[in-house]
């Protein structure tokens, strides 16, 4: 889970000219509220099944925003065993643009990369007309 600097609870409290990474007190509190809500869903409400063990770590990114790594171990009966079990839990589809336009816009803006390259030099992964992270890399 990663802190989103555009969460309304963060944006609402920023002073003019401030960015989320200027206010670690604010971002950490909002992130912690969202993380606790995720834990309630996972551990208490059992959205993935009964959890028998869990551990998590929160780290701070270089730009000043927190993110968490979470490991949960499910009861044997709740562990996914085949493709249909995984398909029930994981969805890798774009939302339908006509029936869920807001969700479609969020997913395509936040979760998809590109286009990038010479035709789109202003893409975040580009710097001075070249890929800033050295891609493509040799296999």
N, C-alpha and C. Protein backbone atom coordinates (compact mmCIF):
# COMPACT_ATOMS: atom_id res chain seq x y z
N UNK A 1 0.86 -1.17 0.00
CA UNK A 1 0.00 0.00 0.00
C UNK A 1 0.90 1.22 0.00
N UNK A 2 0.57 2.18 -0.87
CA UNK A 2 1.36 3.39 -1.00
C UNK A 2 0.51 4.62 -0.72
N UNK A 3 1.07 5.57 -0.03
CA UNK A 3 0.38 6.83 0.24
C UNK A 3 0.17 7.58 -1.07
N UNK A 4 -1.03 8.06 -1.28
CA UNK A 4 -1.35 8.83 -2.47
C UNK A 4 -1.39 10.31 -2.08
N UNK A 5 -0.50 11.12 -2.63
CA UNK A 5 -0.48 12.54 -2.24
C UNK A 5 -1.74 13.29 -2.68
N UNK A 6 -2.58 12.66 -3.48
CA UNK A 6 -3.82 13.30 -3.94
C UNK A 6 -5.05 12.83 -3.17
N UNK A 7 -4.86 12.10 -2.07
CA UNK A 7 -6.01 11.74 -1.25
C UNK A 7 -6.68 13.04 -0.76
N UNK A 8 -8.01 13.12 -0.86
CA UNK A 8 -8.70 14.36 -0.44
C UNK A 8 -8.38 14.78 0.99
N UNK A 9 -8.21 13.82 1.90
CA UNK A 9 -7.91 14.18 3.30
C UNK A 9 -6.55 14.88 3.42
N UNK A 10 -5.65 14.61 2.50
CA UNK A 10 -4.36 15.30 2.50
C UNK A 10 -4.50 16.65 1.81
N UNK A 11 -5.08 16.65 0.62
CA UNK A 11 -5.19 17.90 -0.14
C UNK A 11 -5.97 18.97 0.61
N UNK A 12 -7.00 18.55 1.34
CA UNK A 12 -7.84 19.51 2.06
C UNK A 12 -7.06 20.27 3.14
N UNK A 13 -6.04 19.65 3.70
CA UNK A 13 -5.29 20.26 4.81
C UNK A 13 -4.03 20.99 4.39
N UNK A 14 -3.65 20.90 3.12
CA UNK A 14 -2.44 21.58 2.67
C UNK A 14 -2.67 23.09 2.58
N UNK A 15 -1.65 23.84 2.97
CA UNK A 15 -1.70 25.29 2.86
C UNK A 15 -1.33 25.67 1.42
N UNK A 16 -1.66 26.87 0.98
CA UNK A 16 -1.29 27.29 -0.38
C UNK A 16 0.21 27.15 -0.62
N UNK A 17 0.56 26.53 -1.74
CA UNK A 17 1.97 26.34 -2.10
C UNK A 17 2.61 25.09 -1.52
N UNK A 18 1.92 24.39 -0.63
CA UNK A 18 2.48 23.18 -0.03
C UNK A 18 2.17 21.96 -0.89
N UNK A 19 3.04 20.96 -0.78
CA UNK A 19 2.81 19.65 -1.37
C UNK A 19 2.76 18.64 -0.25
N UNK A 20 2.24 17.45 -0.56
CA UNK A 20 2.07 16.43 0.48
C UNK A 20 3.40 16.09 1.17
N UNK A 21 4.49 16.03 0.41
CA UNK A 21 5.76 15.66 1.04
C UNK A 21 6.33 16.78 1.91
N UNK A 22 5.72 17.97 1.89
CA UNK A 22 6.11 19.05 2.81
C UNK A 22 5.52 18.84 4.20
N UNK A 23 4.55 17.95 4.32
CA UNK A 23 3.83 17.76 5.59
C UNK A 23 3.85 16.29 6.02
N UNK A 24 5.01 15.79 6.48
CA UNK A 24 5.08 14.38 6.90
C UNK A 24 4.14 14.06 8.06
N UNK A 25 3.85 15.05 8.90
CA UNK A 25 2.91 14.82 10.00
C UNK A 25 1.52 14.50 9.46
N UNK A 26 1.12 15.21 8.42
CA UNK A 26 -0.19 15.01 7.81
C UNK A 26 -0.25 13.71 7.02
N UNK A 27 0.74 13.51 6.15
CA UNK A 27 0.72 12.30 5.32
C UNK A 27 0.81 11.03 6.15
N UNK A 28 1.59 11.06 7.21
CA UNK A 28 1.71 9.85 8.04
C UNK A 28 0.41 9.54 8.77
N UNK A 29 -0.29 10.57 9.22
CA UNK A 29 -1.56 10.35 9.93
C UNK A 29 -2.64 9.81 8.99
N UNK A 30 -2.74 10.40 7.80
CA UNK A 30 -3.74 9.94 6.83
C UNK A 30 -3.39 8.53 6.36
N UNK A 31 -2.10 8.29 6.06
CA UNK A 31 -1.68 6.95 5.64
C UNK A 31 -2.01 5.92 6.72
N UNK A 32 -1.75 6.27 7.97
CA UNK A 32 -2.02 5.34 9.07
C UNK A 32 -3.51 5.03 9.18
N UNK A 33 -4.36 6.03 8.98
CA UNK A 33 -5.81 5.78 9.00
C UNK A 33 -6.21 4.82 7.88
N UNK A 34 -5.67 5.03 6.69
CA UNK A 34 -6.00 4.17 5.54
C UNK A 34 -5.44 2.77 5.75
N UNK A 35 -4.23 2.68 6.30
CA UNK A 35 -3.62 1.37 6.57
C UNK A 35 -4.44 0.60 7.59
N UNK A 36 -4.88 1.28 8.64
CA UNK A 36 -5.72 0.62 9.65
C UNK A 36 -7.04 0.15 9.05
N UNK A 37 -7.62 0.91 8.12
CA UNK A 37 -8.85 0.48 7.45
C UNK A 37 -8.59 -0.76 6.60
N UNK A 38 -7.44 -0.80 5.93
CA UNK A 38 -7.08 -2.00 5.16
C UNK A 38 -6.91 -3.20 6.07
N UNK A 39 -6.25 -3.01 7.21
CA UNK A 39 -6.08 -4.11 8.17
C UNK A 39 -7.43 -4.60 8.70
N UNK A 40 -8.35 -3.69 8.97
CA UNK A 40 -9.69 -4.11 9.39
C UNK A 40 -10.33 -5.00 8.34
N UNK A 41 -10.22 -4.60 7.07
CA UNK A 41 -10.79 -5.41 5.99
C UNK A 41 -10.11 -6.77 5.90
N UNK A 42 -8.79 -6.79 6.00
CA UNK A 42 -8.06 -8.04 5.84
C UNK A 42 -8.16 -8.96 7.07
N UNK A 43 -7.98 -8.39 8.24
CA UNK A 43 -7.85 -9.21 9.44
C UNK A 43 -9.16 -9.42 10.18
N UNK A 44 -9.95 -8.39 10.34
CA UNK A 44 -11.20 -8.52 11.10
C UNK A 44 -12.37 -8.92 10.21
N UNK A 45 -12.50 -8.27 9.05
CA UNK A 45 -13.63 -8.56 8.17
C UNK A 45 -13.37 -9.76 7.26
N UNK A 46 -12.12 -10.20 7.17
CA UNK A 46 -11.80 -11.41 6.42
C UNK A 46 -12.15 -11.37 4.95
N UNK A 47 -11.87 -10.25 4.27
CA UNK A 47 -12.24 -10.16 2.86
C UNK A 47 -11.53 -11.20 1.99
N UNK A 48 -10.38 -11.67 2.43
CA UNK A 48 -9.67 -12.73 1.69
C UNK A 48 -9.80 -14.09 2.36
N UNK A 49 -10.45 -14.13 3.50
CA UNK A 49 -10.58 -15.36 4.28
C UNK A 49 -10.01 -15.13 5.67
N UNK A 50 -9.94 -16.20 6.44
CA UNK A 50 -9.44 -16.10 7.81
C UNK A 50 -7.92 -16.03 7.82
N UNK A 51 -7.40 -14.99 8.45
CA UNK A 51 -5.95 -14.79 8.54
C UNK A 51 -5.44 -15.45 9.81
N UNK A 52 -4.38 -16.27 9.68
CA UNK A 52 -3.80 -16.92 10.86
C UNK A 52 -2.50 -16.25 11.29
N UNK A 53 -1.88 -15.48 10.40
CA UNK A 53 -0.66 -14.76 10.76
C UNK A 53 -0.50 -13.57 9.82
N UNK A 54 0.15 -12.54 10.32
CA UNK A 54 0.41 -11.37 9.48
C UNK A 54 1.59 -10.59 10.02
N UNK A 55 2.21 -9.86 9.13
CA UNK A 55 3.30 -8.96 9.50
C UNK A 55 3.31 -7.83 8.48
N UNK A 56 3.75 -6.67 8.93
CA UNK A 56 3.85 -5.55 8.00
C UNK A 56 5.00 -4.64 8.39
N UNK A 57 5.47 -3.89 7.40
CA UNK A 57 6.54 -2.92 7.58
C UNK A 57 6.13 -1.67 6.82
N UNK A 58 6.34 -0.51 7.43
CA UNK A 58 6.09 0.76 6.77
C UNK A 58 7.43 1.42 6.49
N UNK A 59 7.62 1.84 5.25
CA UNK A 59 8.86 2.50 4.84
C UNK A 59 8.51 3.88 4.29
N UNK A 60 9.50 4.75 4.27
CA UNK A 60 9.32 6.09 3.71
C UNK A 60 10.12 6.19 2.43
N UNK A 61 9.45 6.60 1.36
CA UNK A 61 10.11 6.76 0.07
C UNK A 61 10.97 8.00 0.08
N UNK A 62 11.87 8.09 -0.88
CA UNK A 62 12.78 9.24 -0.93
C UNK A 62 12.04 10.55 -1.08
N UNK A 63 10.89 10.55 -1.72
CA UNK A 63 10.16 11.81 -1.88
C UNK A 63 9.33 12.14 -0.65
N UNK A 64 9.42 11.31 0.38
CA UNK A 64 8.80 11.64 1.65
C UNK A 64 7.44 11.05 1.93
N UNK A 65 7.00 10.07 1.14
CA UNK A 65 5.68 9.48 1.36
C UNK A 65 5.82 8.04 1.85
N UNK A 66 4.97 7.63 2.81
CA UNK A 66 5.07 6.27 3.35
C UNK A 66 4.43 5.24 2.42
N UNK A 67 4.94 4.02 2.51
CA UNK A 67 4.30 2.88 1.86
C UNK A 67 4.51 1.66 2.75
N UNK A 68 3.60 0.71 2.65
CA UNK A 68 3.65 -0.46 3.51
C UNK A 68 3.75 -1.75 2.72
N UNK A 69 4.49 -2.69 3.28
CA UNK A 69 4.57 -4.04 2.75
C UNK A 69 3.83 -4.93 3.75
N UNK A 70 2.88 -5.71 3.26
CA UNK A 70 2.03 -6.52 4.13
C UNK A 70 2.10 -7.98 3.68
N UNK A 71 2.29 -8.87 4.64
CA UNK A 71 2.24 -10.31 4.38
C UNK A 71 1.17 -10.90 5.28
N UNK A 72 0.21 -11.58 4.68
CA UNK A 72 -0.79 -12.30 5.49
C UNK A 72 -0.75 -13.77 5.10
N UNK A 73 -0.98 -14.61 6.08
CA UNK A 73 -1.06 -16.05 5.84
C UNK A 73 -2.49 -16.45 6.17
N UNK A 74 -3.13 -17.05 5.18
CA UNK A 74 -4.52 -17.44 5.34
C UNK A 74 -4.64 -18.85 5.87
N UNK A 75 -5.77 -19.11 6.52
CA UNK A 75 -6.11 -20.46 6.96
C UNK A 75 -6.08 -21.39 5.74
N UNK A 76 -5.69 -22.61 5.91
CA UNK A 76 -5.50 -23.55 4.81
C UNK A 76 -6.72 -23.61 3.89
N UNK A 77 -7.92 -23.60 4.46
CA UNK A 77 -9.14 -23.70 3.65
C UNK A 77 -9.36 -22.46 2.78
N UNK A 78 -8.75 -21.32 3.14
CA UNK A 78 -8.96 -20.08 2.40
C UNK A 78 -7.85 -19.78 1.39
N UNK A 79 -6.80 -20.58 1.38
CA UNK A 79 -5.69 -20.31 0.47
C UNK A 79 -6.13 -20.60 -0.97
N UNK A 80 -5.78 -19.71 -1.89
CA UNK A 80 -6.11 -19.98 -3.30
C UNK A 80 -5.34 -21.19 -3.80
N UNK A 81 -6.01 -22.07 -4.53
CA UNK A 81 -5.40 -23.32 -4.98
C UNK A 81 -5.31 -23.43 -6.51
N UNK A 82 -6.21 -22.77 -7.22
CA UNK A 82 -6.19 -22.90 -8.68
C UNK A 82 -6.52 -21.55 -9.32
N UNK A 83 -6.55 -21.54 -10.65
CA UNK A 83 -6.76 -20.28 -11.37
C UNK A 83 -8.06 -19.60 -10.99
N UNK A 84 -9.11 -20.35 -10.79
CA UNK A 84 -10.40 -19.73 -10.46
C UNK A 84 -10.35 -19.06 -9.09
N UNK A 85 -9.60 -19.63 -8.15
CA UNK A 85 -9.43 -19.00 -6.84
C UNK A 85 -8.70 -17.66 -6.98
N UNK A 86 -7.63 -17.65 -7.78
CA UNK A 86 -6.89 -16.41 -7.98
C UNK A 86 -7.73 -15.38 -8.74
N UNK A 87 -8.50 -15.83 -9.72
CA UNK A 87 -9.35 -14.92 -10.47
C UNK A 87 -10.41 -14.28 -9.57
N UNK A 88 -10.83 -14.99 -8.53
CA UNK A 88 -11.80 -14.45 -7.59
C UNK A 88 -11.18 -13.31 -6.76
N UNK A 89 -9.87 -13.38 -6.51
CA UNK A 89 -9.18 -12.42 -5.65
C UNK A 89 -8.55 -11.28 -6.45
N UNK A 90 -7.91 -11.62 -7.57
CA UNK A 90 -7.13 -10.66 -8.33
C UNK A 90 -7.85 -10.32 -9.63
N UNK A 91 -7.96 -9.04 -9.89
CA UNK A 91 -8.58 -8.59 -11.14
C UNK A 91 -7.57 -7.73 -11.88
N UNK A 92 -7.28 -8.09 -13.11
CA UNK A 92 -6.34 -7.32 -13.93
C UNK A 92 -7.03 -6.83 -15.19
N UNK A 93 -8.19 -6.24 -15.01
CA UNK A 93 -8.96 -5.71 -16.12
C UNK A 93 -9.18 -4.21 -15.92
N UNK A 94 -9.28 -3.51 -17.03
CA UNK A 94 -9.65 -2.11 -16.94
C UNK A 94 -11.16 -2.03 -16.71
N UNK A 95 -11.59 -1.15 -15.82
CA UNK A 95 -13.04 -0.96 -15.63
C UNK A 95 -13.68 -0.47 -16.93
N UNK A 96 -14.93 -0.79 -17.13
CA UNK A 96 -15.65 -0.37 -18.32
C UNK A 96 -15.80 1.15 -18.31
N UNK A 97 -15.33 1.79 -19.37
CA UNK A 97 -15.32 3.25 -19.44
C UNK A 97 -16.73 3.83 -19.45
N UNK A 98 -17.69 3.12 -20.04
CA UNK A 98 -19.04 3.67 -20.14
C UNK A 98 -19.84 3.48 -18.86
N UNK A 99 -19.64 2.37 -18.15
CA UNK A 99 -20.43 2.14 -16.93
C UNK A 99 -19.74 2.65 -15.67
N UNK A 100 -18.41 2.72 -15.66
CA UNK A 100 -17.66 3.21 -14.48
C UNK A 100 -16.60 4.22 -14.92
N UNK A 101 -17.00 5.37 -15.45
CA UNK A 101 -16.01 6.32 -15.98
C UNK A 101 -15.03 6.85 -14.95
N UNK A 102 -15.48 7.10 -13.73
CA UNK A 102 -14.57 7.62 -12.70
C UNK A 102 -13.51 6.59 -12.34
N UNK A 103 -13.93 5.35 -12.14
CA UNK A 103 -12.98 4.28 -11.83
C UNK A 103 -12.03 4.04 -12.99
N UNK A 104 -12.53 4.09 -14.21
CA UNK A 104 -11.69 3.92 -15.39
C UNK A 104 -10.60 5.00 -15.41
N UNK A 105 -10.99 6.25 -15.16
CA UNK A 105 -10.02 7.35 -15.17
C UNK A 105 -8.97 7.19 -14.08
N UNK A 106 -9.38 6.76 -12.90
CA UNK A 106 -8.43 6.56 -11.81
C UNK A 106 -7.43 5.47 -12.17
N UNK A 107 -7.92 4.35 -12.66
CA UNK A 107 -7.04 3.21 -12.98
C UNK A 107 -6.09 3.56 -14.11
N UNK A 108 -6.59 4.17 -15.18
CA UNK A 108 -5.71 4.47 -16.31
C UNK A 108 -4.70 5.56 -15.97
N UNK A 109 -5.07 6.49 -15.08
CA UNK A 109 -4.14 7.55 -14.71
C UNK A 109 -3.09 7.05 -13.72
N UNK A 110 -3.50 6.25 -12.74
CA UNK A 110 -2.60 5.83 -11.66
C UNK A 110 -1.86 4.52 -11.91
N UNK A 111 -2.44 3.63 -12.71
CA UNK A 111 -1.90 2.28 -12.78
C UNK A 111 -1.26 1.91 -14.12
N UNK A 112 -1.40 2.75 -15.13
CA UNK A 112 -0.83 2.44 -16.43
C UNK A 112 0.34 3.36 -16.73
N UNK A 113 1.37 2.81 -17.34
CA UNK A 113 2.55 3.58 -17.70
C UNK A 113 2.53 3.89 -19.19
N UNK A 114 2.97 5.07 -19.53
CA UNK A 114 3.17 5.41 -20.93
C UNK A 114 2.00 6.16 -21.52
N UNK A 115 2.03 6.41 -22.79
CA UNK A 115 3.13 6.05 -23.68
C UNK A 115 4.36 6.91 -23.39
N UNK A 116 5.51 6.37 -23.70
CA UNK A 116 6.75 7.10 -23.48
C UNK A 116 7.66 6.88 -24.69
N UNK A 117 8.83 7.47 -24.65
CA UNK A 117 9.76 7.34 -25.77
C UNK A 117 9.92 8.66 -26.50
N UNK A 118 10.51 8.59 -27.66
CA UNK A 118 10.82 9.80 -28.43
C UNK A 118 9.56 10.59 -28.79
N UNK A 119 8.43 9.91 -28.97
CA UNK A 119 7.20 10.60 -29.33
C UNK A 119 6.54 11.30 -28.15
N UNK A 120 6.94 10.94 -26.93
CA UNK A 120 6.36 11.53 -25.71
C UNK A 120 7.47 11.88 -24.73
N UNK A 121 8.30 12.88 -25.06
CA UNK A 121 9.46 13.20 -24.21
C UNK A 121 9.10 13.78 -22.85
N UNK A 122 7.84 14.20 -22.64
CA UNK A 122 7.47 14.76 -21.34
C UNK A 122 6.97 13.70 -20.37
N UNK A 123 6.96 12.45 -20.78
CA UNK A 123 6.54 11.36 -19.89
C UNK A 123 7.46 11.32 -18.67
N UNK A 124 6.92 10.92 -17.52
CA UNK A 124 7.69 10.94 -16.26
C UNK A 124 8.96 10.11 -16.31
N UNK A 125 9.00 9.08 -17.15
CA UNK A 125 10.19 8.21 -17.20
C UNK A 125 11.27 8.76 -18.13
N UNK A 126 11.01 9.90 -18.76
CA UNK A 126 11.95 10.47 -19.73
C UNK A 126 12.73 11.64 -19.11
N UNK A 127 13.99 11.75 -19.51
CA UNK A 127 14.83 12.86 -19.08
C UNK A 127 15.77 13.22 -20.22
N UNK A 128 15.71 14.44 -20.69
CA UNK A 128 16.55 14.90 -21.80
C UNK A 128 16.42 14.01 -23.03
N UNK A 129 15.20 13.56 -23.32
CA UNK A 129 14.95 12.77 -24.52
C UNK A 129 15.32 11.31 -24.44
N UNK A 130 15.75 10.83 -23.25
CA UNK A 130 16.13 9.42 -23.09
C UNK A 130 15.44 8.86 -21.85
N UNK A 131 15.37 7.54 -21.77
CA UNK A 131 14.78 6.90 -20.61
C UNK A 131 15.65 7.16 -19.39
N UNK A 132 15.07 7.71 -18.33
CA UNK A 132 15.84 8.12 -17.16
C UNK A 132 16.35 6.94 -16.33
N UNK A 133 15.75 5.79 -16.46
CA UNK A 133 16.15 4.62 -15.67
C UNK A 133 17.00 3.63 -16.46
N UNK A 134 17.43 4.01 -17.66
CA UNK A 134 18.30 3.16 -18.45
C UNK A 134 17.60 2.05 -19.21
N UNK A 135 16.29 2.16 -19.40
CA UNK A 135 15.56 1.15 -20.17
C UNK A 135 15.63 1.48 -21.64
N UNK A 136 15.50 0.51 -22.51
CA UNK A 136 15.46 -0.92 -22.22
C UNK A 136 16.83 -1.43 -21.84
N UNK A 137 16.86 -2.41 -20.94
CA UNK A 137 18.11 -2.98 -20.45
C UNK A 137 18.39 -4.32 -21.14
N UNK A 138 19.63 -4.69 -21.20
CA UNK A 138 20.03 -5.97 -21.79
C UNK A 138 19.54 -7.09 -20.88
N UNK A 139 19.01 -8.16 -21.48
CA UNK A 139 18.51 -9.29 -20.69
C UNK A 139 19.64 -9.96 -19.95
